[in-house]
Amino acid sequence: RWGPKGAAIATSVVWIVQNLLVLVTVRWKLGFWVTPSPRAWRGTA
């Protein structure tokens, strides 16, 4: 349908999904988040 743009969209979506799946797996199996919490972004971590 969209040619190279479609390939770029598909690739980006797959990267995002894969990283989020692995991120949630780290939380589930190891018990902590690798990324900072929203409170850390506000400076009140």
All heavy atoms as atom14 arrays in JSON, in Angstrom:
{
  "sequence": "RWGPKGAAIATSVVWIVQNLLVLVTVRWKLGFWVTPSPRAWRGTA",
  "atom14_mask": [
    [1, 1, 1, 1, 1, 1, 1, 1, 1, 1, 1, 0, 0, 0],
    [1, 1, 1, 1, 1, 1, 1, 1, 1, 1, 1, 1, 1, 1],
    [1, 1, 1, 1, 0, 0, 0, 0, 0, 0, 0, 0, 0, 0],
    [1, 1, 1, 1, 1, 1, 1, 0, 0, 0, 0, 0, 0, 0],
    [1, 1, 1, 1, 1, 1, 1, 1, 1, 0, 0, 0, 0, 0],
    [1, 1, 1, 1, 0, 0, 0, 0, 0, 0, 0, 0, 0, 0],
    [1, 1, 1, 1, 1, 0, 0, 0, 0, 0, 0, 0, 0, 0],
    [1, 1, 1, 1, 1, 0, 0, 0, 0, 0, 0, 0, 0, 0],
    [1, 1, 1, 1, 1, 1, 1, 1, 0, 0, 0, 0, 0, 0],
    [1, 1, 1, 1, 1, 0, 0, 0, 0, 0, 0, 0, 0, 0],
    [1, 1, 1, 1, 1, 1, 1, 0, 0, 0, 0, 0, 0, 0],
    [1, 1, 1, 1, 1, 1, 0, 0, 0, 0, 0, 0, 0, 0],
    [1, 1, 1, 1, 1, 1, 1, 0, 0, 0, 0, 0, 0, 0],
    [1, 1, 1, 1, 1, 1, 1, 0, 0, 0, 0, 0, 0, 0],
    [1, 1, 1, 1, 1, 1, 1, 1, 1, 1, 1, 1, 1, 1],
    [1, 1, 1, 1, 1, 1, 1, 1, 0, 0, 0, 0, 0, 0],
    [1, 1, 1, 1, 1, 1, 1, 0, 0, 0, 0, 0, 0, 0],
    [1, 1, 1, 1, 1, 1, 1, 1, 1, 0, 0, 0, 0, 0],
    [1, 1, 1, 1, 1, 1, 1, 1, 0, 0, 0, 0, 0, 0],
    [1, 1, 1, 1, 1, 1, 1, 1, 0, 0, 0, 0, 0, 0],
    [1, 1, 1, 1, 1, 1, 1, 1, 0, 0, 0, 0, 0, 0],
    [1, 1, 1, 1, 1, 1, 1, 0, 0, 0, 0, 0, 0, 0],
    [1, 1, 1, 1, 1, 1, 1, 1, 0, 0, 0, 0, 0, 0],
    [1, 1, 1, 1, 1, 1, 1, 0, 0, 0, 0, 0, 0, 0],
    [1, 1, 1, 1, 1, 1, 1, 0, 0, 0, 0, 0, 0, 0],
    [1, 1, 1, 1, 1, 1, 1, 0, 0, 0, 0, 0, 0, 0],
    [1, 1, 1, 1, 1, 1, 1, 1, 1, 1, 1, 0, 0, 0],
    [1, 1, 1, 1, 1, 1, 1, 1, 1, 1, 1, 1, 1, 1],
    [1, 1, 1, 1, 1, 1, 1, 1, 1, 0, 0, 0, 0, 0],
    [1, 1, 1, 1, 1, 1, 1, 1, 0, 0, 0, 0, 0, 0],
    [1, 1, 1, 1, 0, 0, 0, 0, 0, 0, 0, 0, 0, 0],
    [1, 1, 1, 1, 1, 1, 1, 1, 1, 1, 1, 0, 0, 0],
    [1, 1, 1, 1, 1, 1, 1, 1, 1, 1, 1, 1, 1, 1],
    [1, 1, 1, 1, 1, 1, 1, 0, 0, 0, 0, 0, 0, 0],
    [1, 1, 1, 1, 1, 1, 1, 0, 0, 0, 0, 0, 0, 0],
    [1, 1, 1, 1, 1, 1, 1, 0, 0, 0, 0, 0, 0, 0],
    [1, 1, 1, 1, 1, 1, 0, 0, 0, 0, 0, 0, 0, 0],
    [1, 1, 1, 1, 1, 1, 1, 0, 0, 0, 0, 0, 0, 0],
    [1, 1, 1, 1, 1, 1, 1, 1, 1, 1, 1, 0, 0, 0],
    [1, 1, 1, 1, 1, 0, 0, 0, 0, 0, 0, 0, 0, 0],
    [1, 1, 1, 1, 1, 1, 1, 1, 1, 1, 1, 1, 1, 1],
    [1, 1, 1, 1, 1, 1, 1, 1, 1, 1, 1, 0, 0, 0],
    [1, 1, 1, 1, 0, 0, 0, 0, 0, 0, 0, 0, 0, 0],
    [1, 1, 1, 1, 1, 1, 1, 0, 0, 0, 0, 0, 0, 0],
    [1, 1, 1, 1, 1, 0, 0, 0, 0, 0, 0, 0, 0, 0]
  ],
  "atom14_positions": [
    [[0.81, -1.21, 0.0], [0.0, 0.0, 0.0], [0.85, 1.27, 0.0], [0.56, 2.22, -0.73], [-0.93, 0.0, 1.2], [-1.77, 1.27, 1.28], [-2.76, 1.21, 2.38], [-3.87, 0.39, 1.91], [-4.9, 0.02, 2.64], [-4.94, 0.35, 3.91], [-5.87, -0.69, 2.14], [0.0, 0.0, 0.0], [0.0, 0.0, 0.0], [0.0, 0.0, 0.0]],
    [[1.9, 1.31, 0.85], [2.65, 2.55, 1.03], [4.12, 2.46, 0.65], [4.85, 3.44, 0.8], [2.53, 3.04, 2.46], [1.15, 3.48, 2.82], [0.28, 4.17, 2.04], [0.47, 3.23, 4.05], [-0.89, 4.39, 2.71], [-0.81, 3.81, 3.95], [0.8, 2.58, 5.21], [-1.73, 3.76, 4.96], [-0.13, 2.53, 6.23], [-1.38, 3.12, 6.1]],
    [[4.58, 1.33, 0.18], [5.97, 1.19, -0.26], [6.98, 1.37, 0.86], [6.81, 0.82, 1.95], [0.0, 0.0, 0.0], [0.0, 0.0, 0.0], [0.0, 0.0, 0.0], [0.0, 0.0, 0.0], [0.0, 0.0, 0.0], [0.0, 0.0, 0.0], [0.0, 0.0, 0.0], [0.0, 0.0, 0.0], [0.0, 0.0, 0.0], [0.0, 0.0, 0.0]],
    [[8.02, 2.18, 0.62], [9.06, 2.37, 1.63], [8.53, 2.97, 2.94], [9.04, 2.66, 4.01], [10.06, 3.31, 0.97], [9.83, 3.14, -0.49], [8.37, 2.82, -0.65], [0.0, 0.0, 0.0], [0.0, 0.0, 0.0], [0.0, 0.0, 0.0], [0.0, 0.0, 0.0], [0.0, 0.0, 0.0], [0.0, 0.0, 0.0], [0.0, 0.0, 0.0]],
    [[7.55, 3.84, 2.85], [6.96, 4.4, 4.08], [6.3, 3.3, 4.9], [6.38, 3.29, 6.12], [5.94, 5.5, 3.77], [6.53, 6.82, 3.46], [5.45, 7.87, 3.34], [6.07, 9.2, 2.98], [5.08, 10.25, 2.86], [0.0, 0.0, 0.0], [0.0, 0.0, 0.0], [0.0, 0.0, 0.0], [0.0, 0.0, 0.0], [0.0, 0.0, 0.0]],
    [[5.64, 2.39, 4.23], [5.02, 1.26, 4.93], [6.06, 0.39, 5.61], [5.86, -0.08, 6.73], [0.0, 0.0, 0.0], [0.0, 0.0, 0.0], [0.0, 0.0, 0.0], [0.0, 0.0, 0.0], [0.0, 0.0, 0.0], [0.0, 0.0, 0.0], [0.0, 0.0, 0.0], [0.0, 0.0, 0.0], [0.0, 0.0, 0.0], [0.0, 0.0, 0.0]],
    [[7.19, 0.18, 4.94], [8.28, -0.6, 5.53], [8.85, 0.11, 6.75], [9.15, -0.53, 7.77], [9.37, -0.85, 4.51], [0.0, 0.0, 0.0], [0.0, 0.0, 0.0], [0.0, 0.0, 0.0], [0.0, 0.0, 0.0], [0.0, 0.0, 0.0], [0.0, 0.0, 0.0], [0.0, 0.0, 0.0], [0.0, 0.0, 0.0], [0.0, 0.0, 0.0]],
    [[9.0, 1.42, 6.67], [9.52, 2.19, 7.81], [8.55, 2.15, 8.99], [8.96, 2.0, 10.14], [9.79, 3.63, 7.39], [0.0, 0.0, 0.0], [0.0, 0.0, 0.0], [0.0, 0.0, 0.0], [0.0, 0.0, 0.0], [0.0, 0.0, 0.0], [0.0, 0.0, 0.0], [0.0, 0.0, 0.0], [0.0, 0.0, 0.0], [0.0, 0.0, 0.0]],
    [[7.26, 2.27, 8.7], [6.25, 2.21, 9.76], [6.26, 0.83, 10.41], [6.26, 0.71, 11.64], [4.85, 2.55, 9.21], [4.78, 4.03, 8.81], [3.77, 2.22, 10.22], [3.56, 4.4, 8.0], [0.0, 0.0, 0.0], [0.0, 0.0, 0.0], [0.0, 0.0, 0.0], [0.0, 0.0, 0.0], [0.0, 0.0, 0.0], [0.0, 0.0, 0.0]],
    [[6.3, -0.2, 9.6], [6.32, -1.57, 10.13], [7.55, -1.79, 11.0], [7.46, -2.35, 12.09], [6.27, -2.58, 8.99], [0.0, 0.0, 0.0], [0.0, 0.0, 0.0], [0.0, 0.0, 0.0], [0.0, 0.0, 0.0], [0.0, 0.0, 0.0], [0.0, 0.0, 0.0], [0.0, 0.0, 0.0], [0.0, 0.0, 0.0], [0.0, 0.0, 0.0]],
    [[8.69, -1.35, 10.53], [9.93, -1.54, 11.29], [9.89, -0.79, 12.61], [10.26, -1.34, 13.65], [11.13, -1.07, 10.45], [11.16, -1.83, 9.24], [12.44, -1.26, 11.19], [0.0, 0.0, 0.0], [0.0, 0.0, 0.0], [0.0, 0.0, 0.0], [0.0, 0.0, 0.0], [0.0, 0.0, 0.0], [0.0, 0.0, 0.0], [0.0, 0.0, 0.0]],
    [[9.41, 0.45, 12.6], [9.33, 1.22, 13.83], [8.37, 0.59, 14.83], [8.66, 0.5, 16.03], [8.9, 2.66, 13.55], [9.95, 3.37, 12.95], [0.0, 0.0, 0.0], [0.0, 0.0, 0.0], [0.0, 0.0, 0.0], [0.0, 0.0, 0.0], [0.0, 0.0, 0.0], [0.0, 0.0, 0.0], [0.0, 0.0, 0.0], [0.0, 0.0, 0.0]],
    [[7.23, 0.14, 14.34], [6.26, -0.5, 15.23], [6.84, -1.76, 15.85], [6.7, -2.01, 17.05], [4.94, -0.8, 14.48], [4.03, -1.71, 15.29], [4.22, 0.5, 14.15], [0.0, 0.0, 0.0], [0.0, 0.0, 0.0], [0.0, 0.0, 0.0], [0.0, 0.0, 0.0], [0.0, 0.0, 0.0], [0.0, 0.0, 0.0], [0.0, 0.0, 0.0]],
    [[7.53, -2.54, 15.05], [8.13, -3.79, 15.57], [9.21, -3.47, 16.6], [9.28, -4.12, 17.64], [8.68, -4.64, 14.41], [9.53, -5.79, 14.93], [7.54, -5.17, 13.57], [0.0, 0.0, 0.0], [0.0, 0.0, 0.0], [0.0, 0.0, 0.0], [0.0, 0.0, 0.0], [0.0, 0.0, 0.0], [0.0, 0.0, 0.0], [0.0, 0.0, 0.0]],
    [[10.05, -2.49, 16.35], [11.07, -2.11, 17.33], [10.43, -1.69, 18.64], [10.87, -2.1, 19.72], [11.92, -0.95, 16.81], [12.95, -1.32, 15.8], [13.43, -2.57, 15.51], [13.62, -0.43, 14.93], [14.36, -2.49, 14.52], [14.51, -1.19, 14.14], [13.57, 0.94, 14.73], [15.34, -0.63, 13.18], [14.4, 1.5, 13.78], [15.27, 0.73, 13.01]],
    [[9.38, -0.88, 18.55], [8.71, -0.4, 19.77], [8.08, -1.56, 20.53], [8.26, -1.69, 21.74], [7.68, 0.69, 19.41], [8.41, 1.95, 18.93], [6.78, 0.99, 20.59], [7.51, 2.99, 18.29], [0.0, 0.0, 0.0], [0.0, 0.0, 0.0], [0.0, 0.0, 0.0], [0.0, 0.0, 0.0], [0.0, 0.0, 0.0], [0.0, 0.0, 0.0]],
    [[7.36, -2.41, 19.83], [6.71, -3.54, 20.49], [7.74, -4.46, 21.12], [7.6, -4.89, 22.27], [5.8, -4.3, 19.49], [5.35, -5.64, 20.06], [4.6, -3.44, 19.12], [0.0, 0.0, 0.0], [0.0, 0.0, 0.0], [0.0, 0.0, 0.0], [0.0, 0.0, 0.0], [0.0, 0.0, 0.0], [0.0, 0.0, 0.0], [0.0, 0.0, 0.0]],
    [[8.81, -4.77, 20.39], [9.82, -5.68, 20.93], [10.48, -5.08, 22.17], [10.67, -5.76, 23.18], [10.88, -6.0, 19.89], [11.88, -7.02, 20.39], [12.83, -7.5, 19.3], [12.97, -6.85, 18.27], [13.47, -8.62, 19.53], [0.0, 0.0, 0.0], [0.0, 0.0, 0.0], [0.0, 0.0, 0.0], [0.0, 0.0, 0.0], [0.0, 0.0, 0.0]],
    [[10.83, -3.81, 22.13], [11.46, -3.19, 23.29], [10.52, -3.12, 24.48], [10.94, -3.34, 25.62], [11.98, -1.79, 22.93], [13.26, -1.85, 22.15], [14.12, -2.67, 22.42], [13.38, -1.0, 21.16], [0.0, 0.0, 0.0], [0.0, 0.0, 0.0], [0.0, 0.0, 0.0], [0.0, 0.0, 0.0], [0.0, 0.0, 0.0], [0.0, 0.0, 0.0]],
    [[9.25, -2.83, 24.24], [8.3, -2.8, 25.35], [8.07, -4.18, 25.93], [7.95, -4.33, 27.16], [6.99, -2.16, 24.9], [7.08, -0.67, 24.58], [5.72, -0.15, 24.12], [7.57, 0.13, 25.77], [0.0, 0.0, 0.0], [0.0, 0.0, 0.0], [0.0, 0.0, 0.0], [0.0, 0.0, 0.0], [0.0, 0.0, 0.0], [0.0, 0.0, 0.0]],
    [[8.02, -5.21, 25.08], [7.87, -6.57, 25.59], [9.06, -6.97, 26.47], [8.88, -7.54, 27.54], [7.74, -7.56, 24.43], [6.4, -7.62, 23.71], [6.51, -8.52, 22.48], [5.31, -8.11, 24.63], [0.0, 0.0, 0.0], [0.0, 0.0, 0.0], [0.0, 0.0, 0.0], [0.0, 0.0, 0.0], [0.0, 0.0, 0.0], [0.0, 0.0, 0.0]],
    [[10.26, -6.65, 26.01], [11.44, -7.0, 26.79], [11.51, -6.16, 28.07], [11.86, -6.66, 29.14], [12.72, -6.84, 25.95], [13.96, -7.11, 26.78], [12.68, -7.78, 24.76], [0.0, 0.0, 0.0], [0.0, 0.0, 0.0], [0.0, 0.0, 0.0], [0.0, 0.0, 0.0], [0.0, 0.0, 0.0], [0.0, 0.0, 0.0], [0.0, 0.0, 0.0]],
    [[11.1, -4.9, 28.0], [11.08, -4.04, 29.17], [10.12, -4.59, 30.24], [10.47, -4.67, 31.42], [10.67, -2.61, 28.77], [10.67, -1.56, 29.86], [12.1, -1.29, 30.31], [10.03, -0.29, 29.35], [0.0, 0.0, 0.0], [0.0, 0.0, 0.0], [0.0, 0.0, 0.0], [0.0, 0.0, 0.0], [0.0, 0.0, 0.0], [0.0, 0.0, 0.0]],
    [[8.94, -5.01, 29.82], [7.97, -5.59, 30.75], [8.49, -6.93, 31.28], [8.29, -7.25, 32.46], [6.6, -5.73, 30.07], [5.65, -6.56, 30.91], [6.01, -4.35, 29.8], [0.0, 0.0, 0.0], [0.0, 0.0, 0.0], [0.0, 0.0, 0.0], [0.0, 0.0, 0.0], [0.0, 0.0, 0.0], [0.0, 0.0, 0.0], [0.0, 0.0, 0.0]],
    [[9.18, -7.68, 30.45], [9.76, -8.95, 30.9], [10.82, -8.71, 31.98], [10.88, -9.45, 32.96], [10.37, -9.72, 29.71], [9.36, -9.92, 28.73], [10.92, -11.06, 30.15], [0.0, 0.0, 0.0], [0.0, 0.0, 0.0], [0.0, 0.0, 0.0], [0.0, 0.0, 0.0], [0.0, 0.0, 0.0], [0.0, 0.0, 0.0], [0.0, 0.0, 0.0]],
    [[11.63, -7.68, 31.82], [12.62, -7.35, 32.85], [11.91, -7.02, 34.16], [12.3, -7.51, 35.23], [13.52, -6.18, 32.41], [14.31, -5.6, 33.57], [14.47, -6.63, 31.32], [0.0, 0.0, 0.0], [0.0, 0.0, 0.0], [0.0, 0.0, 0.0], [0.0, 0.0, 0.0], [0.0, 0.0, 0.0], [0.0, 0.0, 0.0], [0.0, 0.0, 0.0]],
    [[10.85, -6.26, 34.09], [10.1, -5.92, 35.31], [9.51, -7.17, 35.95], [9.56, -7.34, 37.16], [9.0, -4.91, 34.96], [8.02, -4.64, 36.07], [8.68, -3.9, 37.21], [7.65, -3.54, 38.18], [7.85, -3.58, 39.48], [9.0, -3.94, 39.97], [6.87, -3.23, 40.29], [0.0, 0.0, 0.0], [0.0, 0.0, 0.0], [0.0, 0.0, 0.0]],
    [[8.96, -8.04, 35.13], [8.29, -9.24, 35.63], [9.29, -10.25, 36.2], [9.11, -10.79, 37.28], [7.47, -9.86, 34.51], [6.76, -11.12, 34.86], [5.97, -11.35, 35.94], [6.79, -12.33, 34.12], [5.49, -12.63, 35.92], [5.98, -13.27, 34.8], [7.4, -12.71, 32.94], [5.79, -14.55, 34.35], [7.19, -14.0, 32.48], [6.39, -14.9, 33.19]],
    [[10.39, -10.51, 35.45], [11.34, -11.54, 35.86], [12.36, -11.05, 36.88], [12.78, -11.8, 37.74], [12.07, -12.12, 34.64], [11.18, -12.81, 33.63], [10.43, -13.98, 34.21], [11.32, -15.18, 34.34], [10.63, -16.36, 34.87], [0.0, 0.0, 0.0], [0.0, 0.0, 0.0], [0.0, 0.0, 0.0], [0.0, 0.0, 0.0], [0.0, 0.0, 0.0]],
    [[12.78, -9.79, 36.77], [13.84, -9.29, 37.63], [13.34, -8.34, 38.72], [14.06, -8.06, 39.66], [14.93, -8.61, 36.8], [15.54, -9.47, 35.69], [16.58, -8.69, 34.92], [16.12, -10.75, 36.25], [0.0, 0.0, 0.0], [0.0, 0.0, 0.0], [0.0, 0.0, 0.0], [0.0, 0.0, 0.0], [0.0, 0.0, 0.0], [0.0, 0.0, 0.0]],
    [[12.13, -7.82, 38.56], [11.51, -7.03, 39.62], [11.81, -5.55, 39.65], [11.55, -4.9, 40.66], [0.0, 0.0, 0.0], [0.0, 0.0, 0.0], [0.0, 0.0, 0.0], [0.0, 0.0, 0.0], [0.0, 0.0, 0.0], [0.0, 0.0, 0.0], [0.0, 0.0, 0.0], [0.0, 0.0, 0.0], [0.0, 0.0, 0.0], [0.0, 0.0, 0.0]],
    [[12.34, -4.99, 38.58], [12.58, -3.54, 38.57], [12.4, -2.98, 37.17], [12.46, -3.7, 36.18], [13.97, -3.19, 39.11], [15.11, -3.78, 38.32], [15.65, -3.09, 37.26], [15.62, -5.02, 38.66], [16.7, -3.64, 36.53], [16.68, -5.57, 37.94], [17.21, -4.88, 36.88], [0.0, 0.0, 0.0], [0.0, 0.0, 0.0], [0.0, 0.0, 0.0]],
    [[12.15, -1.68, 37.12], [12.04, -0.97, 35.85], [13.4, -0.42, 35.47], [14.11, 0.12, 36.32], [11.05, 0.19, 35.92], [9.62, -0.24, 36.01], [8.83, -0.14, 37.11], [8.83, -0.83, 34.99], [7.58, -0.64, 36.82], [7.55, -1.07, 35.53], [9.07, -1.19, 33.67], [6.53, -1.65, 34.8], [8.05, -1.77, 32.94], [6.79, -1.98, 33.5]],
    [[13.77, -0.53, 34.22], [15.05, -0.01, 33.74], [14.93, 1.49, 33.45], [15.88, 2.24, 33.65], [15.5, -0.77, 32.47], [16.8, -0.22, 31.93], [15.63, -2.24, 32.79], [0.0, 0.0, 0.0], [0.0, 0.0, 0.0], [0.0, 0.0, 0.0], [0.0, 0.0, 0.0], [0.0, 0.0, 0.0], [0.0, 0.0, 0.0], [0.0, 0.0, 0.0]],
    [[13.77, 1.92, 33.01], [13.57, 3.33, 32.69], [13.17, 4.1, 33.94], [12.6, 3.53, 34.87], [12.46, 3.49, 31.62], [11.27, 2.87, 32.11], [12.87, 2.84, 30.32], [0.0, 0.0, 0.0], [0.0, 0.0, 0.0], [0.0, 0.0, 0.0], [0.0, 0.0, 0.0], [0.0, 0.0, 0.0], [0.0, 0.0, 0.0], [0.0, 0.0, 0.0]],
    [[13.46, 5.39, 34.0], [13.09, 6.17, 35.18], [11.58, 6.34, 35.31], [10.86, 6.34, 34.32], [13.78, 7.52, 34.97], [14.2, 7.55, 33.55], [14.2, 6.16, 33.03], [0.0, 0.0, 0.0], [0.0, 0.0, 0.0], [0.0, 0.0, 0.0], [0.0, 0.0, 0.0], [0.0, 0.0, 0.0], [0.0, 0.0, 0.0], [0.0, 0.0, 0.0]],
    [[11.14, 6.5, 36.53], [9.72, 6.71, 36.78], [9.33, 8.14, 36.4], [10.19, 9.02, 36.29], [9.4, 6.47, 38.25], [9.98, 7.49, 39.04], [0.0, 0.0, 0.0], [0.0, 0.0, 0.0], [0.0, 0.0, 0.0], [0.0, 0.0, 0.0], [0.0, 0.0, 0.0], [0.0, 0.0, 0.0], [0.0, 0.0, 0.0], [0.0, 0.0, 0.0]],
    [[8.02, 8.41, 36.23], [7.6, 9.79, 35.94], [8.02, 10.77, 37.04], [8.3, 11.92, 36.76], [6.07, 9.68, 35.86], [5.81, 8.26, 35.48], [6.91, 7.47, 36.13], [0.0, 0.0, 0.0], [0.0, 0.0, 0.0], [0.0, 0.0, 0.0], [0.0, 0.0, 0.0], [0.0, 0.0, 0.0], [0.0, 0.0, 0.0], [0.0, 0.0, 0.0]],
    [[8.09, 10.3, 38.3], [8.54, 11.18, 39.38], [9.99, 11.59, 39.17], [10.38, 12.71, 39.53], [8.38, 10.49, 40.73], [6.95, 10.37, 41.11], [6.7, 9.74, 42.44], [7.89, 9.43, 43.2], [7.85, 8.92, 44.42], [6.7, 8.64, 44.99], [8.97, 8.65, 45.06], [0.0, 0.0, 0.0], [0.0, 0.0, 0.0], [0.0, 0.0, 0.0]],
    [[10.8, 10.7, 38.59], [12.2, 11.05, 38.34], [12.31, 12.17, 37.31], [13.19, 13.01, 37.39], [12.97, 9.83, 37.88], [0.0, 0.0, 0.0], [0.0, 0.0, 0.0], [0.0, 0.0, 0.0], [0.0, 0.0, 0.0], [0.0, 0.0, 0.0], [0.0, 0.0, 0.0], [0.0, 0.0, 0.0], [0.0, 0.0, 0.0], [0.0, 0.0, 0.0]],
    [[11.4, 12.18, 36.33], [11.42, 13.24, 35.32], [11.08, 14.59, 35.91], [11.53, 15.61, 35.45], [10.45, 12.91, 34.17], [10.91, 11.77, 33.33], [10.44, 10.49, 33.37], [11.95, 11.77, 32.36], [11.12, 9.71, 32.47], [12.04, 10.45, 31.84], [12.82, 12.76, 31.9], [12.98, 10.12, 30.87], [13.73, 12.41, 30.9], [13.79, 11.11, 30.41]],
    [[10.27, 14.59, 36.98], [9.9, 15.85, 37.63], [10.96, 16.28, 38.65], [10.88, 17.35, 39.23], [8.56, 15.71, 38.34], [7.4, 15.58, 37.39], [6.08, 15.73, 38.13], [6.01, 14.82, 39.28], [5.24, 13.75, 39.39], [4.45, 13.43, 38.39], [5.24, 13.02, 40.46], [0.0, 0.0, 0.0], [0.0, 0.0, 0.0], [0.0, 0.0, 0.0]],
    [[11.91, 15.38, 38.95], [12.96, 15.72, 39.91], [12.62, 15.37, 41.34], [13.26, 15.84, 42.27], [0.0, 0.0, 0.0], [0.0, 0.0, 0.0], [0.0, 0.0, 0.0], [0.0, 0.0, 0.0], [0.0, 0.0, 0.0], [0.0, 0.0, 0.0], [0.0, 0.0, 0.0], [0.0, 0.0, 0.0], [0.0, 0.0, 0.0], [0.0, 0.0, 0.0]],
    [[11.58, 14.54, 41.56], [11.19, 14.18, 42.91], [11.31, 12.67, 43.15], [10.51, 12.08, 43.84], [9.73, 14.61, 43.19], [8.89, 13.97, 42.22], [9.56, 16.1, 43.09], [0.0, 0.0, 0.0], [0.0, 0.0, 0.0], [0.0, 0.0, 0.0], [0.0, 0.0, 0.0], [0.0, 0.0, 0.0], [0.0, 0.0, 0.0], [0.0, 0.0, 0.0]],
    [[12.34, 12.07, 42.58], [12.48, 10.61, 42.66], [12.83, 10.15, 44.06], [12.47, 9.07, 44.48], [13.55, 10.14, 41.69], [0.0, 0.0, 0.0], [0.0, 0.0, 0.0], [0.0, 0.0, 0.0], [0.0, 0.0, 0.0], [0.0, 0.0, 0.0], [0.0, 0.0, 0.0], [0.0, 0.0, 0.0], [0.0, 0.0, 0.0], [0.0, 0.0, 0.0]]
  ]
}
